Each structure stands twice: as structure tokens, then as C-alpha cells.
Amino acid sequence: MMKRPVKTVIFDYSGTLSLGAVAFGRPANLTEQFTRTGLARFGVDRPEIFWEKIVYPTWHIGSTSPVTYKTLLIRQIAALNPGMDRNRKRYRDLVRAVHRFAGNYLTAAAIDPGWSAVLHRLHRQSATRVLIATDHYLEATSHIIAHLAALRIRACPLGRIDATSKFLIANSAQLRHHKNTANFWRQIAHNLSFSDTDRVLLIDDFGSNEQTADRYAEPAVVTKRRATTIRAMRKTLGVPIQVHPFYVDAAITTPQYPHAVRQQIRHAITVINRFDQAARPVRARHC
């Protein structure tokens, strides 16, 4: 039986460990993907259609239920094409286009190479466990596990803990609640027992690094999400929570963006190192 660690490092995924997921949503890339995958043939040829007609109306159910991303895409796009249900060939073509698009998105959402060394170090430490807590679609869990496996790190979903997996995935679609709610963290507390001596470090962009076209990244929404997430964690876990907001201070379309990402990853690694070495929690940024 795995000895319970005393330190837990919690990472967000999209916008924190994975900047590829954000890059995929750039307007120019989306437009290219619509053409390459065939979605443009079904009226999804501009980013604003994708966000306004497909993503926004379905995000809540997609990120808090077993309804998959592919299923939601098919439903929404079919609704934009009257008569689709009477044309089997065209419907099959849509399904294939959606599978190509969703596959490209989830494959692109890889872990940034800048995190590799620190993730390996955390994986080797017997007194540290790593939790990836993410608001995401159901399919993301298996892809996150695969991206970690590519780094030779074994992971498993929360609730399927085994002695060989120190990296755990808590996906809102599987837990049925977003991570700014107490219900999300109650399920984590149920699966991972915490004692008064335990310490937790959260590294999260709270949605701030997402595409500016995505309402999820609106500043007021990000500020509220950060406050409610931290409050829910403190209420349910019952241990000190140290928070490091992972904010990239450059737009993804600017030449400064790659440097800003590397700088923020280095900053976060410094916080992790201090957290790992200290006998008591150390301060990151005030929240």
C-alpha cells in the first residue's frame, strides 16, 4: 500500500501545464483546422461561429457530465445544418470531420517541455504526490494520461489509485462539478486523506491564459474563479493552501509570448522548489 505523502502539488492543465491547448485556439489556427478537418463544409469556418454557436452553449454540460466533446460538437453542428438527420452520408462526413478536429485539439494539448524536469523530480519523491485538477471534457483524462506517459510518468484518474501511480487526474467532467465548487474538492478529500501536517501547493492560471476570444478568460470571471476556487479548497481540504497564480503576461499572438511562458514556468518551478524544501509553507503571490 502506498505510504500517504505529506506534500501535494496541484496543477491546472489547460493554460498551465499545457499551453498547446491555448495555442490551438488561436484564430488563425482554428480557421486552418476548420478547413483541414472538414468542419468548414458544415458552416464552421470562422472562430466566432465556433465560440458563439458551439463552445459557449455546451461548455457547462461538456465539463460537468459524461457527454463527450465529440458528441457535443456533432449535436451543435448538426443543428446548424437543417436536414442533416435525413442525409446519412453527410452526417457520416460530419462525424469524421468532428473526430479529426477533436483528435487534433486533444493531441495538441501536450505538456509544455519546460515542465518536464520538475515533473520527473516530483514523480521520484516518495513524500510528494501530484494532482492535476482540471475543468475539461471527458476525453481529456485519457489524453492527459497519455501525455504524461510520453514523459514516462504513470498517472491514473482520481478514484482508481494504485501503488504505481503518484500522479492523479481530477477532471470536472468525471467529478460532475467544476473545481471552483466545494463538491469538486470534497471528492478529492474523500479519495486523498489529508492530515493537519500536510501541505498543499496549487499552481493554476484560473483561465487567465486562455484565448481572449474565450469568455472563460474574461478578467472579472478569472478573478471570481480564483477566489471561489481557493475558498472551496480551504473549506473542504482542511489544510494550509499555498497558491501560485500562473499568469503569462503576454498575448499569445505576440513575439514575446514564448519568452513569457518560459519565464513563468521558471518562476513556478522556483516556487515548487521552495515549497518542497521548506518545513513550513512559503509565500507565493498573495491571492
C-alpha atoms as a PDB file:
ATOM      1  CA  MET A   1       0.000   0.000   0.000  1.00  0.00           C
ATOM      2  CA  MET A   2       1.348   3.429  -0.956  1.00  0.00           C
ATOM      3  CA  LYS A   3       2.503   5.482   2.019  1.00  0.00           C
ATOM      4  CA  ARG A   4       0.486   8.682   2.195  1.00  0.00           C
ATOM      5  CA  PRO A   5       2.653  11.693   1.290  1.00  0.00           C
ATOM      6  CA  VAL A   6       2.621  14.886   3.326  1.00  0.00           C
ATOM      7  CA  LYS A   7       3.011  17.277   0.396  1.00  0.00           C
ATOM      8  CA  THR A   8       0.605  17.651  -2.518  1.00  0.00           C
ATOM      9  CA  VAL A   9       1.322  19.742  -5.590  1.00  0.00           C
ATOM     10  CA  ILE A  10      -1.825  20.508  -7.589  1.00  0.00           C
ATOM     11  CA  PHE A  11      -1.526  21.666 -11.190  1.00  0.00           C
ATOM     12  CA  ASP A  12      -4.159  23.025 -13.509  1.00  0.00           C
ATOM     13  CA  TYR A  13      -3.852  21.578 -17.014  1.00  0.00           C
ATOM     14  CA  SER A  14      -5.013  23.764 -19.904  1.00  0.00           C
ATOM     15  CA  GLY A  15      -3.281  27.136 -19.688  1.00  0.00           C
ATOM     16  CA  THR A  16      -0.812  25.922 -17.062  1.00  0.00           C
ATOM     17  CA  LEU A  17       0.837  22.565 -17.770  1.00  0.00           C
ATOM     18  CA  SER A  18      -0.405  22.678 -21.348  1.00  0.00           C
ATOM     19  CA  LEU A  19      -0.016  25.848 -23.377  1.00  0.00           C
ATOM     20  CA  GLY A  20      -0.586  23.861 -26.563  1.00  0.00           C
ATOM     21  CA  ALA A  21      -4.284  23.750 -25.778  1.00  0.00           C
ATOM     22  CA  VAL A  22      -4.286  27.555 -25.749  1.00  0.00           C
ATOM     23  CA  ALA A  23      -2.240  27.810 -28.940  1.00  0.00           C
ATOM     24  CA  PHE A  24      -4.700  25.541 -30.731  1.00  0.00           C
ATOM     25  CA  GLY A  25      -7.412  28.138 -30.144  1.00  0.00           C
ATOM     26  CA  ARG A  26      -5.606  30.970 -31.922  1.00  0.00           C
ATOM     27  CA  PRO A  27      -7.914  32.428 -34.609  1.00  0.00           C
ATOM     28  CA  ALA A  28      -5.545  31.650 -37.480  1.00  0.00           C
ATOM     29  CA  ASN A  29      -5.009  28.086 -36.317  1.00  0.00           C
ATOM     30  CA  LEU A  30      -8.709  27.461 -35.752  1.00  0.00           C
ATOM     31  CA  THR A  31      -9.542  28.709 -39.231  1.00  0.00           C
ATOM     32  CA  GLU A  32      -6.917  26.389 -40.701  1.00  0.00           C
ATOM     33  CA  GLN A  33      -8.234  23.462 -38.657  1.00  0.00           C
ATOM     34  CA  PHE A  34     -11.794  24.089 -39.840  1.00  0.00           C
ATOM     35  CA  THR A  35     -10.600  23.715 -43.421  1.00  0.00           C
ATOM     36  CA  ARG A  36      -8.215  20.801 -42.874  1.00  0.00           C
ATOM     37  CA  THR A  37     -10.627  18.684 -40.846  1.00  0.00           C
ATOM     38  CA  GLY A  38     -13.689  19.421 -42.988  1.00  0.00           C
ATOM     39  CA  LEU A  39     -15.735  21.369 -40.423  1.00  0.00           C
ATOM     40  CA  ALA A  40     -15.828  24.344 -42.797  1.00  0.00           C
ATOM     41  CA  ARG A  41     -18.057  22.290 -45.103  1.00  0.00           C
ATOM     42  CA  PHE A  42     -20.692  22.368 -42.354  1.00  0.00           C
ATOM     43  CA  GLY A  43     -20.662  26.112 -41.745  1.00  0.00           C
ATOM     44  CA  VAL A  44     -17.970  26.172 -39.052  1.00  0.00           C
ATOM     45  CA  ASP A  45     -15.497  28.310 -40.960  1.00  0.00           C
ATOM     46  CA  ARG A  46     -14.881  31.210 -38.575  1.00  0.00           C
ATOM     47  CA  PRO A  47     -13.695  31.287 -34.932  1.00  0.00           C
ATOM     48  CA  GLU A  48     -16.652  33.417 -33.802  1.00  0.00           C
ATOM     49  CA  ILE A  49     -19.077  30.723 -35.016  1.00  0.00           C
ATOM     50  CA  PHE A  50     -17.088  28.085 -33.171  1.00  0.00           C
ATOM     51  CA  TRP A  51     -17.115  30.015 -29.877  1.00  0.00           C
ATOM     52  CA  GLU A  52     -20.608  31.511 -30.020  1.00  0.00           C
ATOM     53  CA  LYS A  53     -22.590  28.660 -31.570  1.00  0.00           C
ATOM     54  CA  ILE A  54     -20.726  25.593 -30.325  1.00  0.00           C
ATOM     55  CA  VAL A  55     -18.435  26.085 -27.324  1.00  0.00           C
ATOM     56  CA  TYR A  56     -20.305  28.580 -25.130  1.00  0.00           C
ATOM     57  CA  PRO A  57     -23.734  26.885 -25.261  1.00  0.00           C
ATOM     58  CA  THR A  58     -22.270  23.468 -24.406  1.00  0.00           C
ATOM     59  CA  TRP A  59     -19.322  24.164 -22.094  1.00  0.00           C
ATOM     60  CA  HIS A  60     -21.158  23.607 -18.811  1.00  0.00           C
ATOM     61  CA  ILE A  61     -22.649  20.260 -19.739  1.00  0.00           C
ATOM     62  CA  GLY A  62     -19.459  19.174 -21.510  1.00  0.00           C
ATOM     63  CA  SER A  63     -17.284  19.903 -18.482  1.00  0.00           C
ATOM     64  CA  THR A  64     -19.623  18.507 -15.801  1.00  0.00           C
ATOM     65  CA  SER A  65     -21.137  15.388 -17.367  1.00  0.00           C
ATOM     66  CA  PRO A  66     -20.234  12.181 -19.241  1.00  0.00           C
ATOM     67  CA  VAL A  67     -21.384  13.733 -22.540  1.00  0.00           C
ATOM     68  CA  THR A  68     -18.227  13.830 -24.640  1.00  0.00           C
ATOM     69  CA  TYR A  69     -16.701  16.738 -26.547  1.00  0.00           C
ATOM     70  CA  LYS A  70     -17.187  14.915 -29.842  1.00  0.00           C
ATOM     71  CA  THR A  71     -20.859  14.260 -29.094  1.00  0.00           C
ATOM     72  CA  LEU A  72     -21.453  17.923 -28.292  1.00  0.00           C
ATOM     73  CA  LEU A  73     -19.679  19.091 -31.442  1.00  0.00           C
ATOM     74  CA  ILE A  74     -21.752  16.751 -33.585  1.00  0.00           C
ATOM     75  CA  ARG A  75     -25.010  17.856 -31.959  1.00  0.00           C
ATOM     76  CA  GLN A  76     -24.320  21.576 -32.276  1.00  0.00           C
ATOM     77  CA  ILE A  77     -23.003  21.476 -35.815  1.00  0.00           C
ATOM     78  CA  ALA A  78     -25.823  19.217 -36.977  1.00  0.00           C
ATOM     79  CA  ALA A  79     -28.277  21.765 -35.556  1.00  0.00           C
ATOM     80  CA  LEU A  80     -26.654  24.414 -37.762  1.00  0.00           C
ATOM     81  CA  ASN A  81     -27.337  22.256 -40.816  1.00  0.00           C
ATOM     82  CA  PRO A  82     -31.094  21.656 -41.280  1.00  0.00           C
ATOM     83  CA  GLY A  83     -31.943  18.297 -42.807  1.00  0.00           C
ATOM     84  CA  MET A  84     -28.740  16.640 -41.590  1.00  0.00           C
ATOM     85  CA  ASP A  85     -30.747  13.834 -39.983  1.00  0.00           C
ATOM     86  CA  ARG A  86     -32.179  12.914 -43.401  1.00  0.00           C
ATOM     87  CA  ASN A  87     -28.816  12.726 -45.182  1.00  0.00           C
ATOM     88  CA  ARG A  88     -26.850   9.774 -43.802  1.00  0.00           C
ATOM     89  CA  LYS A  89     -23.770  10.303 -45.937  1.00  0.00           C
ATOM     90  CA  ARG A  90     -23.476  13.947 -44.966  1.00  0.00           C
ATOM     91  CA  TYR A  91     -23.968  13.017 -41.296  1.00  0.00           C
ATOM     92  CA  ARG A  92     -21.184  10.410 -41.515  1.00  0.00           C
ATOM     93  CA  ASP A  93     -18.945  13.021 -43.120  1.00  0.00           C
ATOM     94  CA  LEU A  94     -19.685  15.356 -40.196  1.00  0.00           C
ATOM     95  CA  VAL A  95     -18.819  12.665 -37.648  1.00  0.00           C
ATOM     96  CA  ARG A  96     -15.492  12.021 -39.373  1.00  0.00           C
ATOM     97  CA  ALA A  97     -14.708  15.761 -39.517  1.00  0.00           C
ATOM     98  CA  VAL A  98     -15.527  16.181 -35.810  1.00  0.00           C
ATOM     99  CA  HIS A  99     -13.332  13.222 -34.868  1.00  0.00           C
ATOM    100  CA  ARG A 100     -10.431  14.711 -36.828  1.00  0.00           C
ATOM    101  CA  PHE A 101     -10.885  18.134 -35.244  1.00  0.00           C
ATOM    102  CA  ALA A 102     -11.291  16.864 -31.657  1.00  0.00           C
ATOM    103  CA  GLY A 103      -8.357  14.500 -32.093  1.00  0.00           C
ATOM    104  CA  ASN A 104      -6.130  17.318 -33.326  1.00  0.00           C
ATOM    105  CA  TYR A 105      -7.161  19.515 -30.383  1.00  0.00           C
ATOM    106  CA  LEU A 106      -6.520  16.891 -27.707  1.00  0.00           C
ATOM    107  CA  THR A 107      -3.233  15.840 -29.307  1.00  0.00           C
ATOM    108  CA  ALA A 108      -2.071  19.466 -29.489  1.00  0.00           C
ATOM    109  CA  ALA A 109      -2.830  19.907 -25.781  1.00  0.00           C
ATOM    110  CA  ALA A 110       0.504  18.397 -24.749  1.00  0.00           C
ATOM    111  CA  ILE A 111       2.525  19.266 -21.653  1.00  0.00           C
ATOM    112  CA  ASP A 112       4.965  22.120 -22.231  1.00  0.00           C
ATOM    113  CA  PRO A 113       8.565  20.767 -22.308  1.00  0.00           C
ATOM    114  CA  GLY A 114       9.580  23.363 -19.717  1.00  0.00           C
ATOM    115  CA  TRP A 115       7.714  21.365 -17.045  1.00  0.00           C
ATOM    116  CA  SER A 116       9.368  18.034 -17.806  1.00  0.00           C
ATOM    117  CA  ALA A 117      12.298  18.124 -15.363  1.00  0.00           C
ATOM    118  CA  VAL A 118      10.302  19.250 -12.331  1.00  0.00           C
ATOM    119  CA  LEU A 119       7.522  16.729 -13.055  1.00  0.00           C
ATOM    120  CA  HIS A 120      10.104  13.935 -13.154  1.00  0.00           C
ATOM    121  CA  ARG A 121      11.607  15.123  -9.862  1.00  0.00           C
ATOM    122  CA  LEU A 122       8.212  15.226  -8.175  1.00  0.00           C
ATOM    123  CA  HIS A 123       7.493  11.765  -9.542  1.00  0.00           C
ATOM    124  CA  ARG A 124      10.624  10.387  -7.866  1.00  0.00           C
ATOM    125  CA  GLN A 125       9.859  11.841  -4.440  1.00  0.00           C
ATOM    126  CA  SER A 126       8.212   9.422  -2.051  1.00  0.00           C
ATOM    127  CA  ALA A 127       6.771  12.153   0.184  1.00  0.00           C
ATOM    128  CA  THR A 128       5.080  14.109  -2.617  1.00  0.00           C
ATOM    129  CA  ARG A 129       2.003  13.414  -4.674  1.00  0.00           C
ATOM    130  CA  VAL A 130       0.821  15.322  -7.728  1.00  0.00           C
ATOM    131  CA  LEU A 131      -2.790  16.038  -8.614  1.00  0.00           C
ATOM    132  CA  ILE A 132      -3.820  17.514 -11.950  1.00  0.00           C
ATOM    133  CA  ALA A 133      -7.148  19.234 -11.302  1.00  0.00           C
ATOM    134  CA  THR A 134      -8.852  20.454 -14.440  1.00  0.00           C
ATOM    135  CA  ASP A 135     -12.157  21.744 -15.761  1.00  0.00           C
ATOM    136  CA  HIS A 136     -12.300  19.810 -19.004  1.00  0.00           C
ATOM    137  CA  TYR A 137     -14.168  17.487 -21.326  1.00  0.00           C
ATOM    138  CA  LEU A 138     -14.425  13.775 -20.538  1.00  0.00           C
ATOM    139  CA  GLU A 139     -11.960  12.687 -23.232  1.00  0.00           C
ATOM    140  CA  ALA A 140      -9.238  14.881 -21.776  1.00  0.00           C
ATOM    141  CA  THR A 141      -8.452  12.447 -18.939  1.00  0.00           C
ATOM    142  CA  SER A 142      -7.123   9.685 -21.186  1.00  0.00           C
ATOM    143  CA  HIS A 143      -5.185  12.197 -23.270  1.00  0.00           C
ATOM    144  CA  ILE A 144      -3.569  13.771 -20.179  1.00  0.00           C
ATOM    145  CA  ILE A 145      -2.563  10.292 -19.025  1.00  0.00           C
ATOM    146  CA  ALA A 146      -1.097   9.637 -22.485  1.00  0.00           C
ATOM    147  CA  HIS A 147       0.825  12.943 -22.486  1.00  0.00           C
ATOM    148  CA  LEU A 148       2.298  12.035 -19.078  1.00  0.00           C
ATOM    149  CA  ALA A 149       3.097   8.518 -20.320  1.00  0.00           C
ATOM    150  CA  ALA A 150       5.098  10.124 -23.140  1.00  0.00           C
ATOM    151  CA  LEU A 151       7.248  11.597 -20.346  1.00  0.00           C
ATOM    152  CA  ARG A 152       7.433   8.126 -18.731  1.00  0.00           C
ATOM    153  CA  ILE A 153       5.212   9.215 -15.871  1.00  0.00           C
ATOM    154  CA  ARG A 154       2.376   6.897 -14.912  1.00  0.00           C
ATOM    155  CA  ALA A 155      -0.913   8.541 -13.945  1.00  0.00           C
ATOM    156  CA  CYS A 156      -4.448   7.414 -13.233  1.00  0.00           C
ATOM    157  CA  PRO A 157      -7.854   9.056 -12.714  1.00  0.00           C
ATOM    158  CA  LEU A 158      -8.915  10.004  -9.210  1.00  0.00           C
ATOM    159  CA  GLY A 159     -10.742   7.046  -7.690  1.00  0.00           C
ATOM    160  CA  ARG A 160      -8.528   4.462  -9.390  1.00  0.00           C
ATOM    161  CA  ILE A 161      -5.464   4.970  -7.227  1.00  0.00           C
ATOM    162  CA  ASP A 162      -2.832   2.244  -7.331  1.00  0.00           C
ATOM    163  CA  ALA A 163       0.633   1.858  -5.838  1.00  0.00           C
ATOM    164  CA  THR A 164       2.404   2.675  -9.123  1.00  0.00           C
ATOM    165  CA  SER A 165       0.601   5.958  -9.876  1.00  0.00           C
ATOM    166  CA  LYS A 166       1.671   9.018  -7.897  1.00  0.00           C
ATOM    167  CA  PHE A 167       0.131  11.378 -10.459  1.00  0.00           C
ATOM    168  CA  LEU A 168      -3.655  11.609 -10.271  1.00  0.00           C
ATOM    169  CA  ILE A 169      -6.139  13.276 -12.625  1.00  0.00           C
ATOM    170  CA  ALA A 170      -9.258  15.003 -11.275  1.00  0.00           C
ATOM    171  CA  ASN A 171     -11.412  16.025 -14.234  1.00  0.00           C
ATOM    172  CA  SER A 172     -14.577  18.071 -13.677  1.00  0.00           C
ATOM    173  CA  ALA A 173     -16.423  16.023 -16.298  1.00  0.00           C
ATOM    174  CA  GLN A 174     -15.858  12.886 -14.220  1.00  0.00           C
ATOM    175  CA  LEU A 175     -16.451  14.553 -10.853  1.00  0.00           C
ATOM    176  CA  ARG A 176     -19.581  16.313 -12.266  1.00  0.00           C
ATOM    177  CA  HIS A 177     -18.591  19.645 -10.729  1.00  0.00           C
ATOM    178  CA  HIS A 178     -16.226  22.488 -11.625  1.00  0.00           C
ATOM    179  CA  LYS A 179     -13.183  22.948  -9.447  1.00  0.00           C
ATOM    180  CA  ASN A 180     -14.354  26.284  -8.047  1.00  0.00           C
ATOM    181  CA  THR A 181     -17.036  24.354  -6.131  1.00  0.00           C
ATOM    182  CA  ALA A 182     -16.826  22.614  -2.775  1.00  0.00           C
ATOM    183  CA  ASN A 183     -18.336  19.459  -4.316  1.00  0.00           C
ATOM    184  CA  PHE A 184     -15.282  19.061  -6.560  1.00  0.00           C
ATOM    185  CA  TRP A 185     -12.850  19.242  -3.652  1.00  0.00           C
ATOM    186  CA  ARG A 186     -14.989  17.089  -1.344  1.00  0.00           C
ATOM    187  CA  GLN A 187     -14.462  14.208  -3.752  1.00  0.00           C
ATOM    188  CA  ILE A 188     -10.726  14.844  -3.694  1.00  0.00           C
ATOM    189  CA  ALA A 189     -10.701  14.956   0.102  1.00  0.00           C
ATOM    190  CA  HIS A 190     -12.641  11.677   0.139  1.00  0.00           C
ATOM    191  CA  ASN A 191     -10.079   9.953  -2.102  1.00  0.00           C
ATOM    192  CA  LEU A 192      -6.940  11.605  -0.703  1.00  0.00           C
ATOM    193  CA  SER A 193      -6.895  11.833   3.060  1.00  0.00           C
ATOM    194  CA  PHE A 194      -5.235  14.939   4.461  1.00  0.00           C
ATOM    195  CA  SER A 195      -3.860  15.472   7.965  1.00  0.00           C
ATOM    196  CA  ASP A 196      -3.113  18.671   9.864  1.00  0.00           C
ATOM    197  CA  THR A 197       0.581  18.352   8.984  1.00  0.00           C
ATOM    198  CA  ASP A 198       0.014  18.130   5.249  1.00  0.00           C
ATOM    199  CA  ARG A 199       0.732  20.996   2.901  1.00  0.00           C
ATOM    200  CA  VAL A 200      -0.777  21.812  -0.478  1.00  0.00           C
ATOM    201  CA  LEU A 201       0.553  23.958  -3.329  1.00  0.00           C
ATOM    202  CA  LEU A 202      -1.812  24.979  -6.150  1.00  0.00           C
ATOM    203  CA  ILE A 203      -0.411  26.210  -9.472  1.00  0.00           C
ATOM    204  CA  ASP A 204      -3.209  27.477 -11.697  1.00  0.00           C
ATOM    205  CA  ASP A 205      -3.919  30.163 -14.273  1.00  0.00           C
ATOM    206  CA  PHE A 206      -7.641  30.170 -13.305  1.00  0.00           C
ATOM    207  CA  GLY A 207      -8.431  30.617 -17.001  1.00  0.00           C
ATOM    208  CA  SER A 208      -6.432  33.804 -17.491  1.00  0.00           C
ATOM    209  CA  ASN A 209      -4.163  32.296 -20.171  1.00  0.00           C
ATOM    210  CA  GLU A 210      -6.990  31.106 -22.408  1.00  0.00           C
ATOM    211  CA  GLN A 211      -7.759  32.799 -25.714  1.00  0.00           C
ATOM    212  CA  THR A 212      -9.075  36.361 -25.363  1.00  0.00           C
ATOM    213  CA  ALA A 213     -11.995  35.334 -27.599  1.00  0.00           C
ATOM    214  CA  ASP A 214     -12.965  32.790 -24.944  1.00  0.00           C
ATOM    215  CA  ARG A 215     -15.301  34.205 -22.280  1.00  0.00           C
ATOM    216  CA  TYR A 216     -13.643  31.829 -19.817  1.00  0.00           C
ATOM    217  CA  ALA A 217     -10.664  34.223 -19.824  1.00  0.00           C
ATOM    218  CA  GLU A 218     -12.539  37.451 -19.085  1.00  0.00           C
ATOM    219  CA  PRO A 219     -10.663  39.244 -16.235  1.00  0.00           C
ATOM    220  CA  ALA A 220     -13.681  39.588 -13.936  1.00  0.00           C
ATOM    221  CA  VAL A 221     -14.544  35.912 -14.445  1.00  0.00           C
ATOM    222  CA  VAL A 222     -10.948  34.877 -13.747  1.00  0.00           C
ATOM    223  CA  THR A 223     -10.822  36.939 -10.528  1.00  0.00           C
ATOM    224  CA  LYS A 224     -14.059  35.422  -9.277  1.00  0.00           C
ATOM    225  CA  ARG A 225     -12.995  31.887 -10.256  1.00  0.00           C
ATOM    226  CA  ARG A 226      -9.700  32.277  -8.394  1.00  0.00           C
ATOM    227  CA  ALA A 227     -11.448  33.478  -5.222  1.00  0.00           C
ATOM    228  CA  THR A 228     -14.126  30.777  -5.267  1.00  0.00           C
ATOM    229  CA  THR A 229     -11.622  28.013  -6.048  1.00  0.00           C
ATOM    230  CA  ILE A 230      -9.343  28.939  -3.150  1.00  0.00           C
ATOM    231  CA  ARG A 231     -12.304  29.325  -0.805  1.00  0.00           C
ATOM    232  CA  ALA A 232     -13.677  25.897  -1.789  1.00  0.00           C
ATOM    233  CA  MET A 233     -10.282  24.249  -1.287  1.00  0.00           C
ATOM    234  CA  ARG A 234      -9.745  25.765   2.152  1.00  0.00           C
ATOM    235  CA  LYS A 235     -13.252  24.849   3.227  1.00  0.00           C
ATOM    236  CA  THR A 236     -13.025  21.190   2.238  1.00  0.00           C
ATOM    237  CA  LEU A 237      -9.377  20.095   2.476  1.00  0.00           C
ATOM    238  CA  GLY A 238      -8.730  21.486   5.943  1.00  0.00           C
ATOM    239  CA  VAL A 239      -5.013  22.128   5.355  1.00  0.00           C
ATOM    240  CA  PRO A 240      -2.936  25.229   4.531  1.00  0.00           C
ATOM    241  CA  ILE A 241      -3.202  26.092   0.829  1.00  0.00           C
ATOM    242  CA  GLN A 242      -0.372  27.917  -0.885  1.00  0.00           C
ATOM    243  CA  VAL A 243      -1.373  29.407  -4.238  1.00  0.00           C
ATOM    244  CA  HIS A 244       0.790  30.412  -7.170  1.00  0.00           C
ATOM    245  CA  PRO A 245      -1.211  32.086  -9.966  1.00  0.00           C
ATOM    246  CA  PHE A 246       0.378  31.089 -13.271  1.00  0.00           C
ATOM    247  CA  TYR A 247      -0.279  34.214 -15.343  1.00  0.00           C
ATOM    248  CA  VAL A 248       1.524  34.657 -18.673  1.00  0.00           C
ATOM    249  CA  ASP A 249       1.915  38.393 -19.168  1.00  0.00           C
ATOM    250  CA  ALA A 250       1.903  38.467 -22.959  1.00  0.00           C
ATOM    251  CA  ALA A 251      -0.697  37.840 -25.658  1.00  0.00           C
ATOM    252  CA  ILE A 252      -0.246  34.548 -27.491  1.00  0.00           C
ATOM    253  CA  THR A 253      -0.116  36.357 -30.847  1.00  0.00           C
ATOM    254  CA  THR A 254       2.914  38.484 -29.863  1.00  0.00           C
ATOM    255  CA  PRO A 255       6.623  37.632 -30.364  1.00  0.00           C
ATOM    256  CA  GLN A 256       7.110  37.995 -26.586  1.00  0.00           C
ATOM    257  CA  TYR A 257       4.785  35.100 -25.774  1.00  0.00           C
ATOM    258  CA  PRO A 258       7.277  32.151 -25.874  1.00  0.00           C
ATOM    259  CA  HIS A 259       9.701  34.019 -23.617  1.00  0.00           C
ATOM    260  CA  ALA A 260       6.892  34.979 -21.230  1.00  0.00           C
ATOM    261  CA  VAL A 261       5.819  31.322 -20.983  1.00  0.00           C
ATOM    262  CA  ARG A 262       9.368  30.140 -20.234  1.00  0.00           C
ATOM    263  CA  GLN A 263       9.756  32.892 -17.638  1.00  0.00           C
ATOM    264  CA  GLN A 264       6.548  31.938 -15.852  1.00  0.00           C
ATOM    265  CA  ILE A 265       7.435  28.238 -15.856  1.00  0.00           C
ATOM    266  CA  ARG A 266      10.839  29.052 -14.310  1.00  0.00           C
ATOM    267  CA  HIS A 267       9.107  31.213 -11.693  1.00  0.00           C
ATOM    268  CA  ALA A 268       6.659  28.415 -10.860  1.00  0.00           C
ATOM    269  CA  ILE A 269       9.498  25.886 -10.568  1.00  0.00           C
ATOM    270  CA  THR A 270      11.239  28.178  -8.083  1.00  0.00           C
ATOM    271  CA  VAL A 271       8.046  28.245  -6.007  1.00  0.00           C
ATOM    272  CA  ILE A 272       7.811  24.437  -6.184  1.00  0.00           C
ATOM    273  CA  ASN A 273      11.442  24.071  -5.072  1.00  0.00           C
ATOM    274  CA  ARG A 274      10.908  26.340  -2.079  1.00  0.00           C
ATOM    275  CA  PHE A 275       7.669  24.575  -1.177  1.00  0.00           C
ATOM    276  CA  ASP A 276       9.439  21.242  -1.411  1.00  0.00           C
ATOM    277  CA  GLN A 277      12.343  22.279   0.792  1.00  0.00           C
ATOM    278  CA  ALA A 278      10.586  24.329   3.447  1.00  0.00           C
ATOM    279  CA  ALA A 279       9.443  22.925   6.759  1.00  0.00           C
ATOM    280  CA  ARG A 280       6.540  25.352   6.598  1.00  0.00           C
ATOM    281  CA  PRO A 281       4.540  26.768   3.688  1.00  0.00           C
ATOM    282  CA  VAL A 282       6.284  29.633   1.924  1.00  0.00           C
ATOM    283  CA  ARG A 283       4.579  32.509   0.235  1.00  0.00           C
ATOM    284  CA  ALA A 284       3.975  32.682  -3.475  1.00  0.00           C
ATOM    285  CA  ARG A 285       1.893  35.588  -4.720  1.00  0.00           C
ATOM    286  CA  HIS A 286      -0.816  36.918  -2.464  1.00  0.00           C
ATOM    287  CA  CYS A 287      -4.330  35.991  -3.591  1.00  0.00           C
END
